[in-house]
Amino acid sequence: MPSRTALETRSKRQAEYIEPMDCAPVSKLPDGSQWVFEIKLDGYRAIGVKGRETILYSRKHKNFNKRFPRIAEALGDLPADTVIDGEVVALDESGRPDFHRVQHLLGETPHANARVHRIDDIFVPFSVGATPASAV
């Protein structure tokens, strides 16, 4: 019988909301090959949890399921006990993130082209915080 890995021997717990880290403001970017930078997506930070329920949370732990139902539904396809951190964005005609379009999706601001162009929401994952070992 093969030996169990350290991950397999850990006690299981239910997936739950994990508070995301905030960016630290700096006056100068760090220098050196050990630093990696990512594109600013200009959307809403969101945490997807597939536990007893499937819930898309805002950074402030508010339920986003009704605001972004297509994303919340897609989270249902994740393995049980998964937590995924990401950003909800909307893209312009050139494929660039457009914060005003995300605000329109939330009903926070009118969008001049809303009647002409359908605006879709997209969830861009950053990291998976918890998931069963068999799904990794």
Foldseek 3Di string as FASTA:
>chain_A
DDDDDPQVPDDDDFADDDQDDDDDDDPDDDDDPVDDDDDDQQAWKWKWAAGVATFIAGNVGHTCCVLQVVVSVVSPPAAYRKIWIWGKFWADPVRGTDHVLNCVSNVNDDDPCVVPDPIHIDTDTDDIPDDDPVVD
